[in-house]
């Protein structure tokens, strides 16, 4: 009789260990010949907060953004990005999935994916601050921002210096915010203040 329970225990152990939160990022490799304008193609029905956060992050990294309709082909612009964000419910609502892809002339050149849909065994870990996670993914996807792209001034050259310094300063302020343990509302309020400056 006892031997009947062993397969059930092994199966439960396997399932619990298989439940994990996955995050993979392949930084975008952009040609220096491409202009820093990026077309935004959100999935239809995406939460406005995701869209606003991502667009503001791209602007802070030196990109010029242009919204085009959901479902547009990535080849519609020389540089484009598609993005998906899914929220789930488990005692509270939380962002369970995000997939951000970057395309150059229609070819995928970078991707950041976060997936907690199979993270049942790590209940607490999946309740993340969505804005912080989008920031983390964007920073990893565009580690150099628009630096080095066609027409973008280097930090030490002419009038571009002030813009790059301001971008670096904003990034530093955002990173400091992330380590202050603020509530979501307080983080969002301060983040918007930084982006507005």
N, C-alpha and C. Protein backbone atom coordinates (compact mmCIF):
# COMPACT_ATOMS: atom_id res chain seq x y z
N UNK A 1 0.83 -1.21 0.00
CA UNK A 1 0.00 0.00 0.00
C UNK A 1 0.87 1.26 0.00
N UNK A 2 1.96 1.18 0.81
CA UNK A 2 2.84 2.34 0.93
C UNK A 2 3.49 2.69 -0.41
N UNK A 3 3.82 1.68 -1.21
CA UNK A 3 4.49 1.92 -2.48
C UNK A 3 3.62 2.66 -3.48
N UNK A 4 2.31 2.68 -3.27
CA UNK A 4 1.41 3.42 -4.17
C UNK A 4 1.59 4.93 -4.03
N UNK A 5 2.01 5.40 -2.86
CA UNK A 5 2.15 6.83 -2.63
C UNK A 5 3.45 7.40 -3.22
N UNK A 6 4.43 6.54 -3.42
CA UNK A 6 5.73 7.01 -3.90
C UNK A 6 5.63 7.69 -5.27
N UNK A 7 4.92 7.11 -6.26
CA UNK A 7 4.80 7.82 -7.55
C UNK A 7 4.12 9.19 -7.42
N UNK A 8 3.13 9.29 -6.53
CA UNK A 8 2.43 10.57 -6.36
C UNK A 8 3.36 11.61 -5.73
N UNK A 9 4.17 11.19 -4.77
CA UNK A 9 5.11 12.11 -4.13
C UNK A 9 6.16 12.58 -5.14
N UNK A 10 6.68 11.64 -5.93
CA UNK A 10 7.67 12.00 -6.95
C UNK A 10 7.09 12.95 -7.98
N UNK A 11 5.85 12.68 -8.40
CA UNK A 11 5.21 13.55 -9.40
C UNK A 11 4.99 14.95 -8.83
N UNK A 12 4.54 15.04 -7.58
CA UNK A 12 4.31 16.35 -6.95
C UNK A 12 5.62 17.12 -6.82
N UNK A 13 6.69 16.41 -6.44
CA UNK A 13 7.99 17.06 -6.31
C UNK A 13 8.47 17.59 -7.65
N UNK A 14 8.30 16.80 -8.70
CA UNK A 14 8.71 17.20 -10.05
C UNK A 14 7.93 18.44 -10.51
N UNK A 15 6.62 18.42 -10.29
CA UNK A 15 5.79 19.55 -10.71
C UNK A 15 6.16 20.82 -9.96
N UNK A 16 6.40 20.71 -8.67
CA UNK A 16 6.75 21.89 -7.87
C UNK A 16 8.08 22.46 -8.31
N UNK A 17 9.05 21.58 -8.60
CA UNK A 17 10.37 22.08 -9.01
C UNK A 17 10.32 22.64 -10.44
N UNK A 18 9.36 22.16 -11.25
CA UNK A 18 9.26 22.62 -12.63
C UNK A 18 8.60 23.97 -12.76
N UNK A 19 7.93 24.41 -11.70
CA UNK A 19 7.26 25.71 -11.74
C UNK A 19 8.29 26.80 -11.47
N UNK A 20 8.59 27.59 -12.46
CA UNK A 20 9.58 28.63 -12.25
C UNK A 20 9.24 29.87 -13.06
N UNK A 21 9.84 30.97 -12.64
CA UNK A 21 9.68 32.23 -13.35
C UNK A 21 10.88 32.36 -14.29
N UNK A 22 10.61 32.63 -15.55
CA UNK A 22 11.68 32.69 -16.54
C UNK A 22 11.82 34.11 -17.09
N UNK A 23 13.05 34.51 -17.26
CA UNK A 23 13.34 35.80 -17.89
C UNK A 23 14.57 35.63 -18.78
N UNK A 24 14.40 35.95 -20.05
CA UNK A 24 15.52 35.88 -20.99
C UNK A 24 15.57 37.17 -21.79
N UNK A 25 16.77 37.69 -21.96
CA UNK A 25 16.95 38.93 -22.72
C UNK A 25 18.10 38.76 -23.71
N UNK A 26 17.82 39.08 -24.96
CA UNK A 26 18.86 39.16 -25.99
C UNK A 26 18.94 40.63 -26.38
N UNK A 27 19.98 41.36 -25.93
CA UNK A 27 20.07 42.80 -26.22
C UNK A 27 19.99 43.08 -27.72
N UNK A 28 19.32 44.17 -28.06
CA UNK A 28 19.16 44.57 -29.46
C UNK A 28 20.50 45.01 -30.04
N UNK A 29 20.83 44.45 -31.18
CA UNK A 29 22.05 44.85 -31.89
C UNK A 29 21.63 45.70 -33.08
N UNK A 30 21.85 47.01 -32.96
CA UNK A 30 21.39 47.95 -33.96
C UNK A 30 22.54 48.47 -34.82
N UNK A 31 22.27 48.64 -36.09
CA UNK A 31 23.25 49.18 -37.02
C UNK A 31 23.46 50.67 -36.75
N UNK A 32 24.70 51.11 -36.84
CA UNK A 32 25.00 52.53 -36.64
C UNK A 32 24.44 53.39 -37.76
N UNK A 33 23.98 52.76 -38.85
CA UNK A 33 23.42 53.49 -39.99
C UNK A 33 21.93 53.77 -39.84
N UNK A 34 21.32 53.24 -38.78
CA UNK A 34 19.88 53.42 -38.61
C UNK A 34 19.60 54.65 -37.75
N UNK A 35 18.53 55.38 -38.09
CA UNK A 35 18.15 56.57 -37.32
C UNK A 35 17.52 56.15 -35.99
N UNK A 36 17.55 57.02 -34.99
CA UNK A 36 17.04 56.65 -33.67
C UNK A 36 15.51 56.75 -33.51
N UNK A 37 14.78 56.81 -34.63
CA UNK A 37 13.31 56.81 -34.51
C UNK A 37 12.83 55.36 -34.46
N UNK A 38 12.01 55.05 -33.46
CA UNK A 38 11.50 53.69 -33.31
C UNK A 38 9.98 53.71 -33.30
N UNK A 39 9.38 52.84 -34.10
CA UNK A 39 7.92 52.74 -34.16
C UNK A 39 7.44 51.76 -33.11
N UNK A 40 6.43 52.17 -32.37
CA UNK A 40 5.87 51.36 -31.29
C UNK A 40 4.63 50.63 -31.79
N UNK A 41 4.63 49.31 -31.64
CA UNK A 41 3.49 48.49 -32.09
C UNK A 41 3.02 47.64 -30.90
N UNK A 42 2.16 48.21 -30.05
CA UNK A 42 1.67 47.43 -28.91
C UNK A 42 0.65 46.39 -29.34
N UNK A 43 0.54 45.32 -28.59
CA UNK A 43 -0.51 44.33 -28.86
C UNK A 43 -1.86 45.01 -28.60
N UNK A 44 -2.86 44.61 -29.34
CA UNK A 44 -4.18 45.21 -29.16
C UNK A 44 -4.70 44.92 -27.75
N UNK A 45 -5.24 45.95 -27.09
CA UNK A 45 -5.80 45.79 -25.76
C UNK A 45 -4.78 45.89 -24.63
N UNK A 46 -3.55 46.29 -24.96
CA UNK A 46 -2.51 46.42 -23.94
C UNK A 46 -2.88 47.50 -22.94
N UNK A 47 -2.55 47.28 -21.67
CA UNK A 47 -2.80 48.29 -20.63
C UNK A 47 -2.02 49.56 -20.95
N UNK A 48 -2.68 50.69 -20.76
CA UNK A 48 -2.08 51.98 -21.09
C UNK A 48 -0.81 52.23 -20.29
N UNK A 49 -0.78 51.74 -19.03
CA UNK A 49 0.39 51.94 -18.19
C UNK A 49 1.65 51.32 -18.76
N UNK A 50 1.51 50.15 -19.37
CA UNK A 50 2.66 49.47 -19.99
C UNK A 50 3.15 50.31 -21.16
N UNK A 51 2.22 50.73 -21.99
CA UNK A 51 2.56 51.52 -23.18
C UNK A 51 3.28 52.81 -22.80
N UNK A 52 2.73 53.53 -21.84
CA UNK A 52 3.30 54.81 -21.41
C UNK A 52 4.69 54.62 -20.81
N UNK A 53 4.81 53.62 -19.94
CA UNK A 53 6.11 53.36 -19.30
C UNK A 53 7.17 53.04 -20.32
N UNK A 54 6.86 52.13 -21.24
CA UNK A 54 7.83 51.70 -22.25
C UNK A 54 8.23 52.87 -23.16
N UNK A 55 7.24 53.64 -23.59
CA UNK A 55 7.54 54.78 -24.46
C UNK A 55 8.43 55.79 -23.75
N UNK A 56 8.12 56.10 -22.49
CA UNK A 56 8.94 57.06 -21.74
C UNK A 56 10.36 56.56 -21.54
N UNK A 57 10.51 55.26 -21.31
CA UNK A 57 11.84 54.68 -21.14
C UNK A 57 12.65 54.83 -22.44
N UNK A 58 12.02 54.55 -23.57
CA UNK A 58 12.72 54.68 -24.85
C UNK A 58 13.13 56.13 -25.11
N UNK A 59 12.25 57.07 -24.78
CA UNK A 59 12.60 58.49 -24.94
C UNK A 59 13.78 58.86 -24.05
N UNK A 60 13.78 58.34 -22.81
CA UNK A 60 14.87 58.66 -21.89
C UNK A 60 16.20 58.09 -22.37
N UNK A 61 16.14 57.08 -23.25
CA UNK A 61 17.34 56.47 -23.80
C UNK A 61 17.77 57.12 -25.12
N UNK A 62 17.08 58.19 -25.51
CA UNK A 62 17.49 58.94 -26.69
C UNK A 62 16.76 58.60 -27.97
N UNK A 63 15.76 57.73 -27.89
CA UNK A 63 14.99 57.39 -29.10
C UNK A 63 13.86 58.39 -29.32
N UNK A 64 13.50 58.58 -30.58
CA UNK A 64 12.30 59.33 -30.95
C UNK A 64 11.25 58.25 -31.21
N UNK A 65 10.09 58.38 -30.60
CA UNK A 65 9.08 57.32 -30.72
C UNK A 65 7.93 57.75 -31.61
N UNK A 66 7.33 56.76 -32.27
CA UNK A 66 6.15 57.01 -33.11
C UNK A 66 5.21 55.82 -32.95
N UNK A 67 4.00 56.09 -32.50
CA UNK A 67 2.99 55.03 -32.34
C UNK A 67 2.39 54.68 -33.70
N UNK A 68 2.32 53.39 -34.00
CA UNK A 68 1.58 52.96 -35.18
C UNK A 68 0.57 51.90 -34.73
N UNK A 69 -0.46 51.63 -35.52
CA UNK A 69 -1.55 50.76 -35.06
C UNK A 69 -1.11 49.34 -34.68
N UNK A 70 -1.81 48.79 -33.69
CA UNK A 70 -1.60 47.39 -33.30
C UNK A 70 -1.79 46.51 -34.52
N UNK A 71 -0.98 45.49 -34.63
CA UNK A 71 -1.08 44.57 -35.77
C UNK A 71 -0.28 45.00 -36.98
N UNK A 72 0.32 46.19 -36.94
CA UNK A 72 1.15 46.64 -38.08
C UNK A 72 2.37 45.72 -38.19
N UNK A 73 2.86 45.59 -39.40
CA UNK A 73 4.05 44.75 -39.63
C UNK A 73 5.28 45.47 -39.09
N UNK A 74 6.19 44.75 -38.43
CA UNK A 74 7.43 45.37 -37.95
C UNK A 74 8.23 46.02 -39.07
N UNK A 75 8.04 45.56 -40.30
CA UNK A 75 8.77 46.13 -41.44
C UNK A 75 8.20 47.48 -41.89
N UNK A 76 7.14 47.96 -41.21
CA UNK A 76 6.54 49.26 -41.54
C UNK A 76 7.51 50.41 -41.33
N UNK A 77 8.50 50.22 -40.47
CA UNK A 77 9.49 51.26 -40.15
C UNK A 77 10.88 50.62 -40.15
N UNK A 78 11.92 51.41 -40.39
CA UNK A 78 13.28 50.85 -40.33
C UNK A 78 13.60 50.24 -38.97
N UNK A 79 13.12 50.89 -37.89
CA UNK A 79 13.33 50.39 -36.53
C UNK A 79 11.97 50.34 -35.84
N UNK A 80 11.61 49.18 -35.32
CA UNK A 80 10.30 49.04 -34.68
C UNK A 80 10.38 48.09 -33.50
N UNK A 81 9.35 48.15 -32.67
CA UNK A 81 9.28 47.26 -31.51
C UNK A 81 7.83 46.83 -31.29
N UNK A 82 7.65 45.56 -31.04
CA UNK A 82 6.34 45.02 -30.68
C UNK A 82 6.41 44.65 -29.21
N UNK A 83 5.27 44.74 -28.52
CA UNK A 83 5.29 44.39 -27.10
C UNK A 83 3.93 43.93 -26.61
N UNK A 84 4.01 42.92 -25.74
CA UNK A 84 2.84 42.27 -25.17
C UNK A 84 2.99 42.32 -23.66
N UNK A 85 1.90 42.57 -22.97
CA UNK A 85 1.88 42.49 -21.51
C UNK A 85 0.59 41.83 -21.08
N UNK A 86 0.68 40.80 -20.25
CA UNK A 86 -0.50 40.08 -19.80
C UNK A 86 -0.58 40.14 -18.28
N UNK A 87 -1.77 40.44 -17.79
CA UNK A 87 -2.00 40.47 -16.35
C UNK A 87 -2.86 39.28 -15.96
N UNK A 88 -2.59 38.72 -14.77
CA UNK A 88 -3.35 37.58 -14.27
C UNK A 88 -3.86 37.87 -12.87
N UNK A 89 -4.74 36.99 -12.41
CA UNK A 89 -5.33 37.15 -11.07
C UNK A 89 -5.01 35.92 -10.23
N UNK A 90 -4.45 36.17 -9.03
CA UNK A 90 -4.22 35.11 -8.05
C UNK A 90 -4.18 35.80 -6.69
N UNK A 91 -5.33 36.02 -6.12
CA UNK A 91 -5.51 36.80 -4.89
C UNK A 91 -5.33 38.30 -5.15
N UNK A 92 -4.58 38.64 -6.17
CA UNK A 92 -4.39 40.04 -6.59
C UNK A 92 -4.00 40.01 -8.06
N UNK A 93 -4.14 41.15 -8.71
CA UNK A 93 -3.77 41.21 -10.13
C UNK A 93 -2.28 41.52 -10.24
N UNK A 94 -1.62 40.88 -11.18
CA UNK A 94 -0.18 41.07 -11.35
C UNK A 94 0.20 40.83 -12.81
N UNK A 95 1.34 41.41 -13.24
CA UNK A 95 1.80 41.19 -14.60
C UNK A 95 2.46 39.81 -14.65
N UNK A 96 1.89 38.91 -15.42
CA UNK A 96 2.39 37.54 -15.47
C UNK A 96 3.27 37.27 -16.70
N UNK A 97 3.17 38.14 -17.71
CA UNK A 97 3.93 37.88 -18.93
C UNK A 97 4.22 39.18 -19.66
N UNK A 98 5.42 39.28 -20.18
CA UNK A 98 5.81 40.42 -21.03
C UNK A 98 6.76 39.92 -22.11
N UNK A 99 6.55 40.38 -23.31
CA UNK A 99 7.41 40.01 -24.44
C UNK A 99 7.63 41.26 -25.29
N UNK A 100 8.87 41.73 -25.30
CA UNK A 100 9.24 42.92 -26.07
C UNK A 100 10.24 42.50 -27.14
N UNK A 101 9.94 42.81 -28.39
CA UNK A 101 10.83 42.44 -29.49
C UNK A 101 11.22 43.70 -30.27
N UNK A 102 12.44 43.68 -30.79
CA UNK A 102 12.96 44.81 -31.56
C UNK A 102 13.30 44.32 -32.96
N UNK A 103 12.90 45.12 -33.94
CA UNK A 103 13.11 44.76 -35.35
C UNK A 103 13.85 45.88 -36.08
N UNK A 104 14.77 45.47 -36.93
CA UNK A 104 15.48 46.41 -37.79
C UNK A 104 15.22 45.96 -39.23
N UNK A 105 14.60 46.83 -40.01
CA UNK A 105 14.20 46.50 -41.38
C UNK A 105 13.41 45.19 -41.43
N UNK A 106 12.55 44.98 -40.43
CA UNK A 106 11.68 43.81 -40.41
C UNK A 106 12.30 42.54 -39.84
N UNK A 107 13.61 42.58 -39.55
CA UNK A 107 14.29 41.41 -38.99
C UNK A 107 14.45 41.58 -37.48
N UNK A 108 14.10 40.54 -36.72
CA UNK A 108 14.23 40.64 -35.26
C UNK A 108 15.70 40.70 -34.87
N UNK A 109 16.03 41.72 -34.02
CA UNK A 109 17.42 41.89 -33.59
C UNK A 109 17.57 41.90 -32.07
N UNK A 110 16.48 41.72 -31.37
CA UNK A 110 16.54 41.68 -29.91
C UNK A 110 15.21 41.28 -29.32
N UNK A 111 15.26 40.70 -28.11
CA UNK A 111 14.02 40.29 -27.44
C UNK A 111 14.23 40.23 -25.94
N UNK A 112 13.20 40.66 -25.20
CA UNK A 112 13.19 40.52 -23.74
C UNK A 112 11.87 39.86 -23.37
N UNK A 113 11.96 38.76 -22.64
CA UNK A 113 10.74 38.03 -22.27
C UNK A 113 10.76 37.71 -20.78
N UNK A 114 9.63 37.98 -20.14
CA UNK A 114 9.44 37.65 -18.72
C UNK A 114 8.19 36.80 -18.64
N UNK A 115 8.28 35.65 -17.95
CA UNK A 115 7.15 34.71 -17.90
C UNK A 115 7.03 34.09 -16.51
N UNK A 116 5.96 34.47 -15.81
CA UNK A 116 5.70 33.88 -14.50
C UNK A 116 4.44 33.03 -14.52
N UNK A 117 3.94 32.72 -15.72
CA UNK A 117 2.68 31.97 -15.82
C UNK A 117 2.81 30.57 -15.26
N UNK A 118 4.04 30.04 -15.23
CA UNK A 118 4.25 28.69 -14.69
C UNK A 118 4.96 28.78 -13.35
N UNK A 119 4.87 29.93 -12.71
CA UNK A 119 5.57 30.12 -11.43
C UNK A 119 4.73 29.82 -10.21
N UNK A 120 3.83 28.87 -10.30
CA UNK A 120 2.94 28.54 -9.19
C UNK A 120 3.66 28.18 -7.92
N UNK A 121 4.85 27.58 -8.04
CA UNK A 121 5.59 27.20 -6.85
C UNK A 121 6.29 28.36 -6.18
N UNK A 122 6.31 29.52 -6.83
CA UNK A 122 6.97 30.70 -6.26
C UNK A 122 5.94 31.82 -6.19
N UNK A 123 4.93 31.60 -5.37
CA UNK A 123 3.77 32.48 -5.31
C UNK A 123 4.16 33.93 -5.03
N UNK A 124 5.00 34.18 -4.05
CA UNK A 124 5.33 35.56 -3.68
C UNK A 124 6.13 36.25 -4.77
N UNK A 125 7.07 35.51 -5.40
CA UNK A 125 7.96 36.11 -6.41
C UNK A 125 7.22 36.67 -7.62
N UNK A 126 6.05 36.14 -7.92
CA UNK A 126 5.37 36.59 -9.13
C UNK A 126 4.63 37.92 -8.95
N UNK A 127 4.44 38.36 -7.71
CA UNK A 127 3.77 39.64 -7.46
C UNK A 127 4.79 40.76 -7.53
N UNK A 128 5.11 41.16 -8.75
CA UNK A 128 6.16 42.16 -8.99
C UNK A 128 5.56 43.53 -9.26
N UNK A 129 6.40 44.53 -9.19
CA UNK A 129 6.03 45.87 -9.62
C UNK A 129 6.22 45.90 -11.13
N UNK A 130 5.11 45.99 -11.87
CA UNK A 130 5.17 45.91 -13.34
C UNK A 130 6.06 46.99 -13.94
N UNK A 131 5.97 48.19 -13.42
CA UNK A 131 6.75 49.30 -13.97
C UNK A 131 8.25 49.04 -13.81
N UNK A 132 8.64 48.51 -12.65
CA UNK A 132 10.05 48.21 -12.41
C UNK A 132 10.52 47.09 -13.35
N UNK A 133 9.66 46.10 -13.57
CA UNK A 133 10.03 44.98 -14.44
C UNK A 133 10.18 45.46 -15.89
N UNK A 134 9.28 46.33 -16.36
CA UNK A 134 9.38 46.87 -17.72
C UNK A 134 10.68 47.68 -17.86
N UNK A 135 11.00 48.44 -16.80
CA UNK A 135 12.25 49.22 -16.79
C UNK A 135 13.45 48.30 -16.89
N UNK A 136 13.46 47.25 -16.09
CA UNK A 136 14.57 46.28 -16.09
C UNK A 136 14.74 45.64 -17.47
N UNK A 137 13.63 45.20 -18.05
CA UNK A 137 13.70 44.56 -19.37
C UNK A 137 14.20 45.53 -20.44
N UNK A 138 13.71 46.76 -20.40
CA UNK A 138 14.11 47.77 -21.39
C UNK A 138 15.59 48.12 -21.25
N UNK A 139 16.06 48.25 -20.00
CA UNK A 139 17.47 48.56 -19.77
C UNK A 139 18.36 47.44 -20.31
N UNK A 140 17.93 46.20 -20.13
CA UNK A 140 18.73 45.08 -20.61
C UNK A 140 18.65 44.94 -22.14
N UNK A 141 17.49 45.30 -22.68
CA UNK A 141 17.29 45.19 -24.13
C UNK A 141 18.06 46.27 -24.88
N UNK A 142 18.13 47.47 -24.30
CA UNK A 142 18.84 48.61 -24.93
C UNK A 142 19.91 49.13 -23.97
N UNK A 143 20.97 48.36 -23.72
CA UNK A 143 21.97 48.79 -22.73
C UNK A 143 22.67 50.10 -23.09
N UNK A 144 22.79 50.42 -24.38
CA UNK A 144 23.44 51.67 -24.81
C UNK A 144 22.43 52.73 -25.24
N UNK A 145 21.14 52.41 -25.16
CA UNK A 145 20.13 53.34 -25.64
C UNK A 145 20.33 53.62 -27.12
N UNK A 146 20.14 54.88 -27.50
CA UNK A 146 20.29 55.27 -28.91
C UNK A 146 21.72 55.71 -29.24
N UNK A 147 22.61 55.64 -28.26
CA UNK A 147 23.99 56.05 -28.49
C UNK A 147 24.60 55.25 -29.64
N UNK A 148 25.26 55.96 -30.54
CA UNK A 148 25.92 55.30 -31.67
C UNK A 148 25.07 55.19 -32.91
N UNK A 149 23.78 55.55 -32.82
CA UNK A 149 22.92 55.49 -34.00
C UNK A 149 23.11 56.74 -34.85
N UNK A 150 22.69 56.67 -36.09
CA UNK A 150 22.88 57.74 -37.07
C UNK A 150 22.31 59.07 -36.56
N UNK A 151 23.15 60.09 -36.54
CA UNK A 151 22.71 61.42 -36.14
C UNK A 151 22.70 61.67 -34.65
N UNK A 152 22.98 60.66 -33.83
CA UNK A 152 23.00 60.84 -32.37
C UNK A 152 24.40 61.27 -31.97
N UNK A 153 24.48 62.41 -31.30
CA UNK A 153 25.77 62.95 -30.89
C UNK A 153 26.34 62.10 -29.76
N UNK A 154 27.65 61.99 -29.74
CA UNK A 154 28.32 61.29 -28.63
C UNK A 154 28.26 62.19 -27.40
N UNK A 155 28.38 61.64 -26.20
CA UNK A 155 28.26 62.43 -24.97
C UNK A 155 29.21 63.62 -24.89
N UNK A 156 30.39 63.52 -25.50
CA UNK A 156 31.36 64.61 -25.38
C UNK A 156 31.42 65.52 -26.59
N UNK A 157 30.41 65.43 -27.48
CA UNK A 157 30.50 66.25 -28.69
C UNK A 157 29.40 67.29 -28.77
N UNK A 158 29.80 68.54 -28.82
CA UNK A 158 28.90 69.66 -29.08
C UNK A 158 27.66 69.69 -28.23
N UNK A 159 26.52 70.00 -28.87
CA UNK A 159 25.26 70.19 -28.15
C UNK A 159 24.69 68.89 -27.64
N UNK A 160 25.15 67.77 -28.13
CA UNK A 160 24.63 66.49 -27.67
C UNK A 160 25.01 66.19 -26.24
N UNK A 161 26.03 66.85 -25.71
CA UNK A 161 26.52 66.54 -24.38
C UNK A 161 25.45 66.72 -23.32
N UNK A 162 24.72 67.86 -23.41
CA UNK A 162 23.69 68.12 -22.41
C UNK A 162 22.59 67.07 -22.43
N UNK A 163 22.19 66.65 -23.64
CA UNK A 163 21.13 65.66 -23.75
C UNK A 163 21.55 64.32 -23.17
N UNK A 164 22.76 63.91 -23.47
CA UNK A 164 23.23 62.62 -22.97
C UNK A 164 23.42 62.67 -21.46
N UNK A 165 23.91 63.80 -20.95
CA UNK A 165 24.10 63.94 -19.52
C UNK A 165 22.76 63.87 -18.82
N UNK A 166 21.75 64.52 -19.39
CA UNK A 166 20.42 64.50 -18.79
C UNK A 166 19.86 63.08 -18.80
N UNK A 167 20.09 62.36 -19.89
CA UNK A 167 19.61 60.98 -19.97
C UNK A 167 20.29 60.11 -18.91
N UNK A 168 21.61 60.28 -18.78
CA UNK A 168 22.35 59.50 -17.78
C UNK A 168 21.88 59.85 -16.38
N UNK A 169 21.62 61.14 -16.15
CA UNK A 169 21.15 61.58 -14.84
C UNK A 169 19.78 60.98 -14.52
N UNK A 170 18.87 60.98 -15.50
CA UNK A 170 17.56 60.37 -15.30
C UNK A 170 17.69 58.89 -14.97
N UNK A 171 18.56 58.21 -15.73
CA UNK A 171 18.75 56.78 -15.52
C UNK A 171 19.26 56.51 -14.11
N UNK A 172 20.18 57.35 -13.66
CA UNK A 172 20.73 57.21 -12.31
C UNK A 172 19.62 57.41 -11.26
N UNK A 173 18.76 58.40 -11.47
CA UNK A 173 17.66 58.64 -10.54
C UNK A 173 16.70 57.47 -10.49
N UNK A 174 16.39 56.88 -11.65
CA UNK A 174 15.48 55.74 -11.72
C UNK A 174 16.08 54.54 -10.99
N UNK A 175 17.38 54.31 -11.20
CA UNK A 175 18.05 53.19 -10.51
C UNK A 175 18.01 53.39 -9.01
N UNK A 176 18.19 54.63 -8.54
CA UNK A 176 18.13 54.90 -7.11
C UNK A 176 16.72 54.65 -6.57
N UNK A 177 15.71 55.00 -7.35
CA UNK A 177 14.33 54.75 -6.94
C UNK A 177 14.08 53.27 -6.69
N UNK A 178 14.63 52.45 -7.57
CA UNK A 178 14.38 51.01 -7.51
C UNK A 178 14.89 50.38 -6.23
N UNK A 179 15.85 51.02 -5.57
CA UNK A 179 16.45 50.45 -4.36
C UNK A 179 15.92 51.09 -3.09
N UNK A 180 14.86 51.87 -3.19
CA UNK A 180 14.34 52.57 -2.02
C UNK A 180 13.17 51.85 -1.35
N UNK A 181 12.71 50.76 -1.95
CA UNK A 181 11.61 50.00 -1.34
C UNK A 181 10.32 50.79 -1.24
N UNK A 182 10.04 51.63 -2.22
CA UNK A 182 8.84 52.47 -2.20
C UNK A 182 7.60 51.65 -2.57
N UNK A 183 6.45 52.14 -2.16
CA UNK A 183 5.19 51.52 -2.59
C UNK A 183 5.03 51.79 -4.09
N UNK A 184 4.17 51.01 -4.74
CA UNK A 184 3.97 51.17 -6.18
C UNK A 184 3.53 52.59 -6.51
N UNK A 185 2.56 53.12 -5.74
CA UNK A 185 2.03 54.47 -6.02
C UNK A 185 3.11 55.53 -5.86
N UNK A 186 3.91 55.41 -4.78
CA UNK A 186 4.96 56.40 -4.54
C UNK A 186 6.04 56.30 -5.61
N UNK A 187 6.40 55.06 -6.00
CA UNK A 187 7.40 54.86 -7.06
C UNK A 187 6.92 55.50 -8.36
N UNK A 188 5.65 55.25 -8.70
CA UNK A 188 5.09 55.76 -9.95
C UNK A 188 5.08 57.30 -9.95
N UNK A 189 4.72 57.88 -8.79
CA UNK A 189 4.67 59.34 -8.69
C UNK A 189 6.05 59.94 -8.90
N UNK A 190 7.06 59.37 -8.25
CA UNK A 190 8.43 59.89 -8.37
C UNK A 190 9.00 59.63 -9.76
N UNK A 191 8.68 58.47 -10.30
CA UNK A 191 9.16 58.13 -11.65
C UNK A 191 8.64 59.15 -12.67
N UNK A 192 7.34 59.47 -12.59
CA UNK A 192 6.76 60.44 -13.52
C UNK A 192 7.38 61.81 -13.34
N UNK A 193 7.72 62.17 -12.10
CA UNK A 193 8.36 63.45 -11.85
C UNK A 193 9.74 63.51 -12.51
N UNK A 194 10.49 62.40 -12.41
CA UNK A 194 11.81 62.34 -13.03
C UNK A 194 11.69 62.47 -14.56
N UNK A 195 10.74 61.74 -15.13
CA UNK A 195 10.58 61.75 -16.60
C UNK A 195 10.10 63.11 -17.12
N UNK A 196 9.39 63.85 -16.27
CA UNK A 196 8.87 65.16 -16.69
C UNK A 196 9.93 66.25 -16.65
N UNK A 197 10.97 66.05 -15.84
CA UNK A 197 12.02 67.07 -15.71
C UNK A 197 12.82 67.24 -17.00
